[in-house]
Amino acid sequence: ENQKNALPQALKDAEAKVQELELVVQGIRSLGPLQARVEEQKTRVAEVQKKAESADAESMKADDAAAQSERTLRAITERHAAAASLEPQLARCLSLEEEVADLVDYVERLGGARAGVDGADTG
């Protein structure tokens, strides 16, 4: 009689194991689409990473360009300041040039007047 009871119990245990295996098989089958989604996510992550690296490279280029612009602006500002500091000297040079021109005119007039006086003495 124990054998009679043991057989139905063994069948029930076997059915439970079959159901468990069916669940495992279903789980394995559901892993296929899940694996595909995982691969898709990996691809998306790689794309985002490439974009981030590209953005970093662009950012570095922009930083370099900004630094170059800043250096250029600083150099222009320094040259402008140097030119501004020369303005008084330039004004003095122009003034001296005018004075020299006036002196040359004066000397030429004196020379002409002197020639006239010398010519009057000899004539």
C-alpha atoms as a PDB file:
ATOM      1  CA  GLU A   1       0.000   0.000   0.000  1.00  0.00           C
ATOM      2  CA  ASN A   2       2.939   2.325   0.587  1.00  0.00           C
ATOM      3  CA  GLN A   3       3.920   1.710  -2.999  1.00  0.00           C
ATOM      4  CA  LYS A   4       0.390   2.647  -4.120  1.00  0.00           C
ATOM      5  CA  ASN A   5       0.660   5.962  -2.240  1.00  0.00           C
ATOM      6  CA  ALA A   6       4.257   6.490  -3.303  1.00  0.00           C
ATOM      7  CA  LEU A   7       3.441   6.345  -7.013  1.00  0.00           C
ATOM      8  CA  PRO A   8       0.861   9.180  -6.981  1.00  0.00           C
ATOM      9  CA  GLN A   9       3.223  11.254  -4.849  1.00  0.00           C
ATOM     10  CA  ALA A  10       6.078  10.581  -7.272  1.00  0.00           C
ATOM     11  CA  LEU A  11       3.804  11.607 -10.158  1.00  0.00           C
ATOM     12  CA  LYS A  12       2.886  14.813  -8.336  1.00  0.00           C
ATOM     13  CA  ASP A  13       6.559  15.503  -7.654  1.00  0.00           C
ATOM     14  CA  ALA A  14       7.380  14.824 -11.302  1.00  0.00           C
ATOM     15  CA  GLU A  15       4.573  17.155 -12.436  1.00  0.00           C
ATOM     16  CA  ALA A  16       5.870  19.846 -10.109  1.00  0.00           C
ATOM     17  CA  LYS A  17       9.372  19.382 -11.552  1.00  0.00           C
ATOM     18  CA  VAL A  18       7.982  19.561 -15.112  1.00  0.00           C
ATOM     19  CA  GLN A  19       6.145  22.782 -14.274  1.00  0.00           C
ATOM     20  CA  GLU A  20       9.302  24.157 -12.716  1.00  0.00           C
ATOM     21  CA  LEU A  21      11.266  23.204 -15.830  1.00  0.00           C
ATOM     22  CA  GLU A  22       8.608  24.822 -18.021  1.00  0.00           C
ATOM     23  CA  LEU A  23       8.996  28.024 -16.025  1.00  0.00           C
ATOM     24  CA  VAL A  24      12.753  27.817 -16.444  1.00  0.00           C
ATOM     25  CA  VAL A  25      12.323  27.257 -20.210  1.00  0.00           C
ATOM     26  CA  GLN A  26       9.938  30.229 -20.385  1.00  0.00           C
ATOM     27  CA  GLY A  27      12.468  32.283 -18.479  1.00  0.00           C
ATOM     28  CA  ILE A  28      15.217  31.227 -20.860  1.00  0.00           C
ATOM     29  CA  ARG A  29      13.018  32.064 -23.844  1.00  0.00           C
ATOM     30  CA  SER A  30      12.246  35.486 -22.361  1.00  0.00           C
ATOM     31  CA  LEU A  31      15.995  36.074 -22.014  1.00  0.00           C
ATOM     32  CA  GLY A  32      16.303  36.260 -25.818  1.00  0.00           C
ATOM     33  CA  PRO A  33      14.371  39.540 -26.112  1.00  0.00           C
ATOM     34  CA  LEU A  34      15.915  40.706 -22.865  1.00  0.00           C
ATOM     35  CA  GLN A  35      19.382  39.979 -24.247  1.00  0.00           C
ATOM     36  CA  ALA A  36      18.468  41.933 -27.374  1.00  0.00           C
ATOM     37  CA  ARG A  37      17.401  44.870 -25.220  1.00  0.00           C
ATOM     38  CA  VAL A  38      20.633  44.634 -23.244  1.00  0.00           C
ATOM     39  CA  GLU A  39      22.624  44.759 -26.499  1.00  0.00           C
ATOM     40  CA  GLU A  40      20.535  47.700 -27.671  1.00  0.00           C
ATOM     41  CA  GLN A  41      21.251  49.519 -24.412  1.00  0.00           C
ATOM     42  CA  LYS A  42      24.959  48.753 -24.743  1.00  0.00           C
ATOM     43  CA  THR A  43      24.886  50.249 -28.244  1.00  0.00           C
ATOM     44  CA  ARG A  44      23.090  53.331 -27.003  1.00  0.00           C
ATOM     45  CA  VAL A  45      25.558  53.738 -24.148  1.00  0.00           C
ATOM     46  CA  ALA A  46      28.448  53.485 -26.628  1.00  0.00           C
ATOM     47  CA  GLU A  47      26.808  56.124 -28.854  1.00  0.00           C
ATOM     48  CA  VAL A  48      26.266  58.453 -25.907  1.00  0.00           C
ATOM     49  CA  GLN A  49      29.849  57.888 -24.804  1.00  0.00           C
ATOM     50  CA  LYS A  50      31.121  58.760 -28.298  1.00  0.00           C
ATOM     51  CA  LYS A  51      28.980  61.901 -28.299  1.00  0.00           C
ATOM     52  CA  ALA A  52      30.297  62.833 -24.862  1.00  0.00           C
ATOM     53  CA  GLU A  53      33.888  62.322 -26.024  1.00  0.00           C
ATOM     54  CA  SER A  54      33.175  64.390 -29.133  1.00  0.00           C
ATOM     55  CA  ALA A  55      31.590  67.096 -26.994  1.00  0.00           C
ATOM     56  CA  ASP A  56      34.637  67.023 -24.707  1.00  0.00           C
ATOM     57  CA  ALA A  57      36.901  67.424 -27.727  1.00  0.00           C
ATOM     58  CA  GLU A  58      34.774  70.303 -29.039  1.00  0.00           C
ATOM     59  CA  SER A  59      34.765  71.865 -25.588  1.00  0.00           C
ATOM     60  CA  MET A  60      38.547  71.621 -25.449  1.00  0.00           C
ATOM     61  CA  LYS A  61      38.777  73.226 -28.899  1.00  0.00           C
ATOM     62  CA  ALA A  62      36.440  75.996 -27.770  1.00  0.00           C
ATOM     63  CA  ASP A  63      38.507  76.484 -24.595  1.00  0.00           C
ATOM     64  CA  ASP A  64      41.682  76.666 -26.688  1.00  0.00           C
ATOM     65  CA  ALA A  65      40.075  79.169 -29.057  1.00  0.00           C
ATOM     66  CA  ALA A  66      38.847  81.255 -26.130  1.00  0.00           C
ATOM     67  CA  ALA A  67      42.309  81.212 -24.558  1.00  0.00           C
ATOM     68  CA  GLN A  68      43.860  82.237 -27.891  1.00  0.00           C
ATOM     69  CA  SER A  69      41.320  85.039 -28.251  1.00  0.00           C
ATOM     70  CA  GLU A  70      42.094  86.195 -24.740  1.00  0.00           C
ATOM     71  CA  ARG A  71      45.845  86.204 -25.490  1.00  0.00           C
ATOM     72  CA  THR A  72      45.221  88.126 -28.714  1.00  0.00           C
ATOM     73  CA  LEU A  73      43.020  90.660 -26.932  1.00  0.00           C
ATOM     74  CA  ARG A  74      45.639  91.075 -24.213  1.00  0.00           C
ATOM     75  CA  ALA A  75      48.351  91.646 -26.842  1.00  0.00           C
ATOM     76  CA  ILE A  76      46.176  94.193 -28.669  1.00  0.00           C
ATOM     77  CA  THR A  77      45.436  95.963 -25.391  1.00  0.00           C
ATOM     78  CA  GLU A  78      49.146  96.058 -24.538  1.00  0.00           C
ATOM     79  CA  ARG A  79      50.018  97.442 -27.995  1.00  0.00           C
ATOM     80  CA  HIS A  80      47.265 100.015 -27.711  1.00  0.00           C
ATOM     81  CA  ALA A  81      48.574 101.072 -24.306  1.00  0.00           C
ATOM     82  CA  ALA A  82      52.105 101.278 -25.711  1.00  0.00           C
ATOM     83  CA  ALA A  83      50.876 103.353 -28.655  1.00  0.00           C
ATOM     84  CA  ALA A  84      48.927 105.601 -26.294  1.00  0.00           C
ATOM     85  CA  SER A  85      52.059 106.125 -24.208  1.00  0.00           C
ATOM     86  CA  LEU A  86      53.876 107.275 -27.382  1.00  0.00           C
ATOM     87  CA  GLU A  87      51.256 109.903 -28.253  1.00  0.00           C
ATOM     88  CA  PRO A  88      52.922 112.692 -26.259  1.00  0.00           C
ATOM     89  CA  GLN A  89      56.258 111.882 -27.919  1.00  0.00           C
ATOM     90  CA  LEU A  90      54.588 111.851 -31.338  1.00  0.00           C
ATOM     91  CA  ALA A  91      52.964 115.209 -30.617  1.00  0.00           C
ATOM     92  CA  ARG A  92      56.376 116.586 -29.539  1.00  0.00           C
ATOM     93  CA  CYS A  93      57.959 115.223 -32.756  1.00  0.00           C
ATOM     94  CA  LEU A  94      55.285 116.906 -34.845  1.00  0.00           C
ATOM     95  CA  SER A  95      55.802 120.135 -32.953  1.00  0.00           C
ATOM     96  CA  LEU A  96      59.577 119.900 -33.460  1.00  0.00           C
ATOM     97  CA  GLU A  97      59.040 119.172 -37.146  1.00  0.00           C
ATOM     98  CA  GLU A  98      56.972 122.358 -37.454  1.00  0.00           C
ATOM     99  CA  GLU A  99      59.636 124.325 -35.577  1.00  0.00           C
ATOM    100  CA  VAL A 100      62.355 122.952 -37.866  1.00  0.00           C
ATOM    101  CA  ALA A 101      60.296 123.830 -40.950  1.00  0.00           C
ATOM    102  CA  ASP A 102      59.819 127.348 -39.602  1.00  0.00           C
ATOM    103  CA  LEU A 103      63.573 127.641 -38.930  1.00  0.00           C
ATOM    104  CA  VAL A 104      64.394 126.399 -42.441  1.00  0.00           C
ATOM    105  CA  ASP A 105      62.032 128.999 -43.895  1.00  0.00           C
ATOM    106  CA  TYR A 106      63.622 131.675 -41.688  1.00  0.00           C
ATOM    107  CA  VAL A 107      67.144 130.647 -42.715  1.00  0.00           C
ATOM    108  CA  GLU A 108      66.136 130.643 -46.384  1.00  0.00           C
ATOM    109  CA  ARG A 109      64.651 134.142 -46.010  1.00  0.00           C
ATOM    110  CA  LEU A 110      67.770 135.328 -44.211  1.00  0.00           C
ATOM    111  CA  GLY A 111      69.914 133.796 -46.918  1.00  0.00           C
ATOM    112  CA  GLY A 112      67.835 135.507 -49.599  1.00  0.00           C
ATOM    113  CA  ALA A 113      67.947 138.809 -47.768  1.00  0.00           C
ATOM    114  CA  ARG A 114      71.654 138.491 -47.278  1.00  0.00           C
ATOM    115  CA  ALA A 115      72.163 137.714 -50.953  1.00  0.00           C
ATOM    116  CA  GLY A 116      70.210 140.860 -51.762  1.00  0.00           C
ATOM    117  CA  VAL A 117      72.366 142.944 -49.447  1.00  0.00           C
ATOM    118  CA  ASP A 118      75.567 141.418 -50.825  1.00  0.00           C
ATOM    119  CA  GLY A 119      74.388 142.103 -54.370  1.00  0.00           C
ATOM    120  CA  ALA A 120      73.625 145.712 -53.512  1.00  0.00           C
ATOM    121  CA  ASP A 121      77.152 146.213 -52.118  1.00  0.00           C
ATOM    122  CA  THR A 122      78.858 144.883 -55.237  1.00  0.00           C
ATOM    123  CA  GLY A 123      76.634 146.583 -57.740  1.00  0.00           C
END
